[in-house]
Amino acid sequence: MNVTEHSETDRTVELRITDHDNVQHHLTLSKEGEVTDHWCDQHLPDSDDRSLGDEERLARVERFAKYYLTRTTGSNALSPYSQSDQVADPDRLAVTTLLIGAMAQDTLESHLTTCYDQLAALRANDTPPVEPPQVAPDADWELIEQDIHLTLDTEEIRRLADVLTELNSLGEIRQALDVRPDRKDSDLFSRLNRVLSTSESSFTEDASSEQFLRVISPLRVHWNTDGPTRIEYGDGTEPDEDATLAARIQLTPDHTPIISVAAFQRTLVDHFRCQLRDCYVGMGVRPPSDAQVTGHGITAFTDRYERADQLQNYHSEHAIIDWTGLAPRPDL
């Protein structure tokens, strides 16, 4: 994927993007990321006759266009996990994975108490924090969701994400969880704060995890009833305006049983690396090497991989993937 032309007015941005098959796409987007026009040099069937593969090809270019605007203008053109975009911002997701993977177990549990207790209770057949709907008390759960917000600004997120990608750090963090699962994080956030501080006056020695991320939105549990799926909510509040949705835990029964906080942490890092893969694949771009993994990531993409014959089985843990079919990741 390459942006070969970029022009803008007060309200709109026009991009010309050349995809991995050397097809040129012409897009017009609002500054908020809404695509108002998209056509390409290659003939495609009318919208009613397009295959899921054709639709995904156009959607990949549109997601990439929004990510390009996010990276180059600092806008929030991508709407994370929305019905339209489905992907998250890969930079924010990578930084969240770093923070989750580098935390001590007690710090992680303090942020994600309800989510972990829900999984532990379901494993032990105890009463979970979020119970099945009253109309279907014996319903089985099919999805647990928890939003994670970052409080870092756009430039801080980008700086950290670029370092993570360059050093393949997420894979190293995952290996460290196997070797030293009980390590401490007493100075982790102070060191991160020092890295991100632009001057000595902005550096504080007593930085804590709350300065980087927040988990305050309600836990959501999807229950499989005889009728439509029912969603029940835990306790929580809406995040502050200065917090940005960066990641959404989307665990399924395939991720269980989770028998300890250490196993929970490993599962989350694996899960978020799969989500990071989906973000890049969803833009038609080859993921960084430490996100070239298989397994369930973003739920909407797992559903798409299962339904579209033209897409590889990225969601299957034992799949063999040809990553060369995706465009090299551009330097934005």
Protein backbone atom coordinates (compact mmCIF):
# COMPACT_ATOMS: atom_id res chain seq x y z
CA MET A 1 0.00 0.00 0.00
CA ASN A 2 1.36 3.38 -1.01
CA VAL A 3 -0.19 6.83 -0.97
CA THR A 4 0.83 8.41 -4.26
CA GLU A 5 -1.14 11.63 -3.96
CA HIS A 6 -2.53 13.62 -1.07
CA SER A 7 -4.50 16.85 -1.28
CA GLU A 8 -6.92 18.43 1.15
CA THR A 9 -9.38 21.23 1.71
CA ASP A 10 -10.86 22.60 4.91
CA ARG A 11 -13.35 19.72 5.06
CA THR A 12 -12.06 16.83 2.97
CA VAL A 13 -8.94 14.88 2.05
CA GLU A 14 -8.36 13.26 -1.33
CA LEU A 15 -5.97 10.30 -1.55
CA ARG A 16 -4.70 8.16 -4.38
CA ILE A 17 -3.56 4.79 -3.06
CA THR A 18 -1.83 2.03 -5.01
CA ASP A 19 -2.54 -1.40 -3.53
CA HIS A 20 -0.36 -4.53 -3.53
CA ASP A 21 -1.78 -5.59 -6.92
CA ASN A 22 -0.76 -2.25 -8.44
CA VAL A 23 -4.39 -1.09 -8.70
CA GLN A 24 -4.98 2.59 -8.03
CA HIS A 25 -7.77 3.66 -5.70
CA HIS A 26 -9.12 7.19 -5.51
CA LEU A 27 -10.75 8.16 -2.21
CA THR A 28 -12.34 11.25 -0.73
CA LEU A 29 -12.67 11.34 3.06
CA SER A 30 -13.93 13.86 5.55
CA LYS A 31 -11.50 15.06 8.18
CA GLU A 32 -13.35 12.80 10.64
CA GLY A 33 -12.61 9.72 8.52
CA GLU A 34 -15.91 9.21 6.69
CA VAL A 35 -15.36 7.88 3.15
CA THR A 36 -17.56 9.88 0.78
CA ASP A 37 -16.17 8.53 -2.50
CA HIS A 38 -14.08 5.49 -3.50
CA TRP A 39 -13.40 4.18 -6.97
CA CYS A 40 -10.57 2.16 -8.46
CA ASP A 41 -9.00 1.63 -11.87
CA GLN A 42 -9.97 -2.05 -11.95
CA HIS A 43 -13.53 -3.04 -12.76
CA LEU A 44 -15.42 -4.65 -9.88
CA PRO A 45 -18.96 -6.05 -9.92
CA ASP A 46 -21.80 -3.86 -8.71
CA SER A 47 -22.14 -3.80 -4.93
CA ASP A 48 -25.00 -6.33 -4.93
CA ASP A 49 -22.92 -8.84 -6.90
CA ARG A 50 -19.58 -8.46 -5.13
CA SER A 51 -18.06 -11.38 -3.28
CA LEU A 52 -16.93 -11.06 0.31
CA GLY A 53 -13.38 -11.01 -1.06
CA ASP A 54 -14.19 -8.04 -3.33
CA GLU A 55 -15.77 -6.16 -0.43
CA GLU A 56 -12.79 -6.88 1.79
CA ARG A 57 -10.38 -5.63 -0.87
CA LEU A 58 -12.12 -2.22 -0.94
CA ALA A 59 -12.49 -2.15 2.84
CA ARG A 60 -8.74 -2.77 3.28
CA VAL A 61 -7.89 0.30 1.22
CA GLU A 62 -10.38 2.44 3.15
CA ARG A 63 -9.00 1.30 6.49
CA PHE A 64 -5.47 2.01 5.30
CA ALA A 65 -6.52 5.48 4.17
CA LYS A 66 -7.91 6.21 7.63
CA TYR A 67 -4.78 4.87 9.31
CA TYR A 68 -2.67 7.04 7.00
CA LEU A 69 -4.63 10.10 8.10
CA THR A 70 -4.30 9.08 11.75
CA ARG A 71 -0.52 8.72 11.43
CA THR A 72 0.14 11.81 9.34
CA THR A 73 -2.37 14.30 10.72
CA GLY A 74 -2.98 13.13 14.30
CA SER A 75 -6.71 12.86 13.65
CA ASN A 76 -8.97 10.09 14.96
CA ALA A 77 -10.01 8.91 11.52
CA LEU A 78 -10.20 5.25 12.61
CA SER A 79 -13.17 4.31 14.76
CA PRO A 80 -11.85 1.35 16.81
CA TYR A 81 -13.88 -1.87 16.68
CA SER A 82 -16.78 -0.06 14.99
CA GLN A 83 -19.09 -1.82 12.57
CA SER A 84 -17.62 0.21 9.72
CA ASP A 85 -13.87 0.00 10.45
CA GLN A 86 -13.70 -3.13 12.68
CA VAL A 87 -9.94 -2.68 13.23
CA ALA A 88 -8.29 -0.72 16.03
CA ASP A 89 -5.43 1.75 15.72
CA PRO A 90 -2.40 -0.60 15.61
CA ASP A 91 -0.16 1.92 17.36
CA ARG A 92 -2.48 2.19 20.36
CA LEU A 93 -3.01 -1.55 20.42
CA ALA A 94 0.74 -2.23 20.39
CA VAL A 95 1.33 0.15 23.31
CA THR A 96 -1.51 -1.46 25.26
CA THR A 97 0.05 -4.88 24.66
CA LEU A 98 3.35 -3.57 25.98
CA LEU A 99 1.76 -2.25 29.17
CA ILE A 100 -0.32 -5.39 29.80
CA GLY A 101 2.65 -7.68 29.18
CA ALA A 102 5.12 -5.68 31.29
CA MET A 103 2.89 -5.33 34.36
CA ALA A 104 3.40 -7.36 37.49
CA GLN A 105 0.60 -9.84 38.10
CA ASP A 106 -0.90 -7.89 41.00
CA THR A 107 -0.96 -4.70 38.89
CA LEU A 108 -2.69 -6.51 36.05
CA GLU A 109 -5.25 -8.04 38.40
CA SER A 110 -6.00 -4.64 39.94
CA HIS A 111 -6.92 -3.26 36.52
CA LEU A 112 -8.84 -6.28 35.25
CA THR A 113 -10.32 -7.73 38.42
CA THR A 114 -13.85 -8.20 37.05
CA CYS A 115 -12.67 -9.77 33.81
CA TYR A 116 -10.39 -12.23 35.60
CA ASP A 117 -13.01 -13.03 38.26
CA GLN A 118 -15.55 -13.70 35.50
CA LEU A 119 -13.26 -16.24 33.85
CA ALA A 120 -12.27 -17.82 37.17
CA ALA A 121 -15.90 -18.18 38.27
CA LEU A 122 -16.95 -19.75 34.98
CA ARG A 123 -14.11 -22.26 35.27
CA ALA A 124 -15.07 -23.18 38.83
CA ASN A 125 -18.84 -23.18 38.13
CA ASP A 126 -19.24 -20.40 40.70
CA THR A 127 -21.50 -17.37 40.42
CA PRO A 128 -19.69 -14.89 38.14
CA PRO A 129 -19.75 -11.10 38.56
CA VAL A 130 -21.88 -10.83 35.40
CA GLU A 131 -24.56 -13.51 35.51
CA PRO A 132 -26.58 -14.99 32.63
CA PRO A 133 -29.83 -13.18 31.73
CA GLN A 134 -32.76 -14.02 33.99
CA VAL A 135 -34.73 -15.37 31.02
CA ALA A 136 -31.96 -17.92 30.32
CA PRO A 137 -30.16 -18.72 33.60
CA ASP A 138 -28.46 -21.79 32.11
CA ALA A 139 -27.12 -19.99 29.04
CA ASP A 140 -23.52 -20.55 27.96
CA TRP A 141 -21.26 -17.57 27.39
CA GLU A 142 -19.71 -17.00 23.97
CA LEU A 143 -17.75 -13.75 24.31
CA ILE A 144 -16.30 -11.58 27.10
CA GLU A 145 -15.42 -7.97 26.21
CA GLN A 146 -13.55 -5.34 28.21
CA ASP A 147 -12.41 -1.96 26.88
CA ILE A 148 -8.98 -0.58 27.74
CA HIS A 149 -8.24 3.13 27.34
CA LEU A 150 -4.89 4.90 27.08
CA THR A 151 -4.24 8.31 28.59
CA LEU A 152 -1.10 9.03 26.56
CA ASP A 153 -1.23 11.63 23.84
CA THR A 154 -0.93 10.82 20.13
CA GLU A 155 2.77 11.68 19.85
CA GLU A 156 3.69 9.57 22.90
CA ILE A 157 1.76 6.60 21.53
CA ARG A 158 3.44 6.90 18.15
CA ARG A 159 6.94 7.12 19.63
CA LEU A 160 6.43 4.02 21.76
CA ALA A 161 4.78 2.08 18.93
CA ASP A 162 7.64 2.84 16.52
CA VAL A 163 10.20 1.54 19.02
CA LEU A 164 8.14 -1.60 19.67
CA THR A 165 7.91 -2.34 15.95
CA GLU A 166 11.57 -1.64 15.23
CA LEU A 167 12.80 -3.89 18.05
CA ASN A 168 10.14 -6.63 17.71
CA SER A 169 9.56 -6.07 21.40
CA LEU A 170 6.14 -7.68 21.77
CA GLY A 171 7.51 -11.11 20.91
CA GLU A 172 10.29 -10.61 23.46
CA ILE A 173 7.75 -9.60 26.11
CA ARG A 174 5.72 -12.74 25.44
CA GLN A 175 8.81 -14.93 25.86
CA ALA A 176 9.66 -13.15 29.10
CA LEU A 177 6.24 -14.11 30.51
CA ASP A 178 7.21 -17.77 30.17
CA VAL A 179 10.65 -17.29 31.74
CA ARG A 180 9.79 -14.82 34.55
CA PRO A 181 6.03 -14.76 35.11
CA ASP A 182 6.36 -13.38 38.66
CA ARG A 183 8.61 -10.40 37.95
CA LYS A 184 7.93 -7.02 39.56
CA ASP A 185 7.14 -3.69 37.90
CA SER A 186 8.21 -1.33 40.70
CA ASP A 187 10.11 1.03 38.38
CA LEU A 188 8.52 0.16 35.03
CA PHE A 189 6.20 3.13 34.78
CA SER A 190 8.78 5.58 36.08
CA ARG A 191 11.16 4.40 33.35
CA LEU A 192 8.44 4.74 30.72
CA ASN A 193 7.63 8.18 32.04
CA ARG A 194 11.30 9.16 31.77
CA VAL A 195 11.42 7.94 28.15
CA LEU A 196 8.34 9.97 27.23
CA SER A 197 9.20 13.12 29.20
CA THR A 198 10.28 15.99 26.98
CA SER A 199 12.14 17.74 29.80
CA GLU A 200 13.33 17.15 33.34
CA SER A 201 10.53 19.37 34.62
CA SER A 202 7.89 17.04 33.17
CA PHE A 203 9.45 13.89 34.64
CA THR A 204 8.02 12.43 37.86
CA GLU A 205 9.70 9.59 39.74
CA ASP A 206 6.49 8.16 41.24
CA ALA A 207 4.66 7.32 37.98
CA SER A 208 2.03 4.57 38.19
CA SER A 209 0.08 2.44 35.72
CA GLU A 210 -2.97 4.71 36.08
CA GLN A 211 -1.02 7.43 34.29
CA PHE A 212 -0.89 5.25 31.19
CA LEU A 213 -4.11 3.25 30.97
CA ARG A 214 -7.56 2.92 32.51
CA VAL A 215 -10.05 0.08 32.67
CA ILE A 216 -13.29 1.54 33.99
CA SER A 217 -15.91 0.66 31.36
CA PRO A 218 -18.37 -2.13 32.22
CA LEU A 219 -17.46 -5.73 31.43
CA ARG A 220 -19.74 -7.12 28.70
CA VAL A 221 -20.63 -10.80 28.53
CA HIS A 222 -22.43 -12.24 25.49
CA TRP A 223 -24.69 -15.16 26.41
CA ASN A 224 -25.93 -17.74 23.90
CA THR A 225 -29.67 -18.16 24.53
CA ASP A 226 -32.27 -20.06 22.52
CA GLY A 227 -33.07 -16.77 20.80
CA PRO A 228 -30.73 -13.92 19.95
CA THR A 229 -27.47 -13.44 21.82
CA ARG A 230 -28.02 -11.48 25.02
CA ILE A 231 -25.44 -9.04 26.43
CA GLU A 232 -25.23 -8.47 30.16
CA TYR A 233 -23.15 -5.67 31.69
CA GLY A 234 -21.03 -5.42 34.81
CA ASP A 235 -20.44 -2.33 36.91
CA GLY A 236 -18.48 0.54 35.45
CA THR A 237 -18.51 4.10 34.21
CA GLU A 238 -17.77 5.87 30.95
CA PRO A 239 -14.12 6.94 30.60
CA ASP A 240 -12.96 10.54 30.80
CA GLU A 241 -12.62 12.54 27.61
CA ASP A 242 -8.83 12.42 27.87
CA ALA A 243 -8.84 8.61 27.64
CA THR A 244 -8.76 6.97 24.19
CA LEU A 245 -10.11 3.50 23.39
CA ALA A 246 -7.00 1.54 22.51
CA ALA A 247 -7.88 -2.13 22.90
CA ARG A 248 -10.89 -4.34 23.49
CA ILE A 249 -10.49 -7.74 25.11
CA GLN A 250 -12.62 -10.23 23.15
CA LEU A 251 -12.11 -13.62 24.76
CA THR A 252 -14.04 -16.74 23.76
CA PRO A 253 -14.41 -20.17 25.40
CA ASP A 254 -11.50 -21.31 23.21
CA HIS A 255 -9.24 -19.17 25.41
CA THR A 256 -10.21 -21.12 28.53
CA PRO A 257 -9.55 -22.54 31.02
CA ILE A 258 -7.50 -19.74 32.51
CA ILE A 259 -6.19 -21.11 35.78
CA SER A 260 -4.09 -18.24 37.13
CA VAL A 261 -3.30 -14.54 36.74
CA ALA A 262 -0.06 -15.54 34.98
CA ALA A 263 -2.04 -17.59 32.45
CA PHE A 264 -4.48 -14.69 32.07
CA GLN A 265 -1.61 -12.32 31.27
CA ARG A 266 -0.10 -14.68 28.69
CA THR A 267 -3.51 -15.13 27.09
CA LEU A 268 -4.05 -11.38 26.83
CA VAL A 269 -0.66 -10.76 25.21
CA ASP A 270 -1.27 -13.58 22.70
CA HIS A 271 -4.79 -12.26 22.06
CA PHE A 272 -3.66 -8.68 21.48
CA ARG A 273 -0.85 -9.77 19.15
CA CYS A 274 -3.50 -11.59 17.10
CA GLN A 275 -5.62 -8.44 17.14
CA LEU A 276 -2.61 -6.44 15.99
CA ARG A 277 -2.22 -8.91 13.11
CA ASP A 278 -5.88 -8.36 12.20
CA CYS A 279 -5.40 -4.59 12.15
CA TYR A 280 -2.61 -4.86 9.58
CA VAL A 281 -4.23 -7.66 7.57
CA GLY A 282 -7.43 -5.60 7.60
CA MET A 283 -5.50 -2.82 5.86
CA GLY A 284 -3.89 -5.17 3.35
CA VAL A 285 -0.50 -4.68 5.01
CA ARG A 286 1.98 -7.33 6.18
CA PRO A 287 2.15 -7.29 10.01
CA PRO A 288 5.46 -6.72 11.83
CA SER A 289 7.26 -9.98 12.49
CA ASP A 290 6.14 -10.24 16.13
CA ALA A 291 2.50 -9.93 15.01
CA GLN A 292 2.79 -12.65 12.38
CA VAL A 293 0.90 -15.05 14.62
CA THR A 294 -2.23 -17.17 14.37
CA GLY A 295 -5.26 -17.45 16.65
CA HIS A 296 -8.42 -15.56 17.53
CA GLY A 297 -7.97 -11.80 17.47
CA ILE A 298 -10.73 -9.32 16.62
CA THR A 299 -14.05 -11.14 16.65
CA ALA A 300 -15.36 -9.48 13.47
CA PHE A 301 -12.30 -10.70 11.59
CA THR A 302 -12.55 -14.25 12.90
CA ASP A 303 -16.09 -14.33 11.50
CA ARG A 304 -14.85 -12.93 8.20
CA TYR A 305 -11.98 -15.44 7.90
CA GLU A 306 -14.43 -18.28 8.46
CA ARG A 307 -16.84 -17.05 5.77
CA ALA A 308 -14.53 -15.84 2.98
CA ASP A 309 -12.76 -18.51 0.93
CA GLN A 310 -10.38 -15.86 -0.46
CA LEU A 311 -8.95 -15.07 2.99
CA GLN A 312 -6.40 -17.16 4.85
CA ASN A 313 -7.26 -18.83 8.16
CA TYR A 314 -5.39 -16.38 10.36
CA HIS A 315 -7.72 -17.25 13.25
CA SER A 316 -6.74 -20.94 13.26
CA GLU A 317 -3.83 -21.59 15.61
CA HIS A 318 -2.45 -24.36 13.40
CA ALA A 319 -2.78 -22.58 10.05
CA ILE A 320 0.23 -22.07 7.79
CA ILE A 321 0.13 -18.49 6.54
CA ASP A 322 1.72 -16.95 3.44
CA TRP A 323 2.53 -13.44 4.66
CA THR A 324 4.05 -12.41 1.31
CA GLY A 325 0.59 -11.94 -0.18
CA LEU A 326 0.24 -8.72 1.82
CA ALA A 327 1.83 -5.37 1.01
CA PRO A 328 5.03 -4.41 2.88
CA ARG A 329 4.34 -2.07 5.75
CA PRO A 330 5.00 1.50 4.55
CA ASP A 331 7.02 3.98 6.54
CA LEU A 332 4.51 6.64 7.58
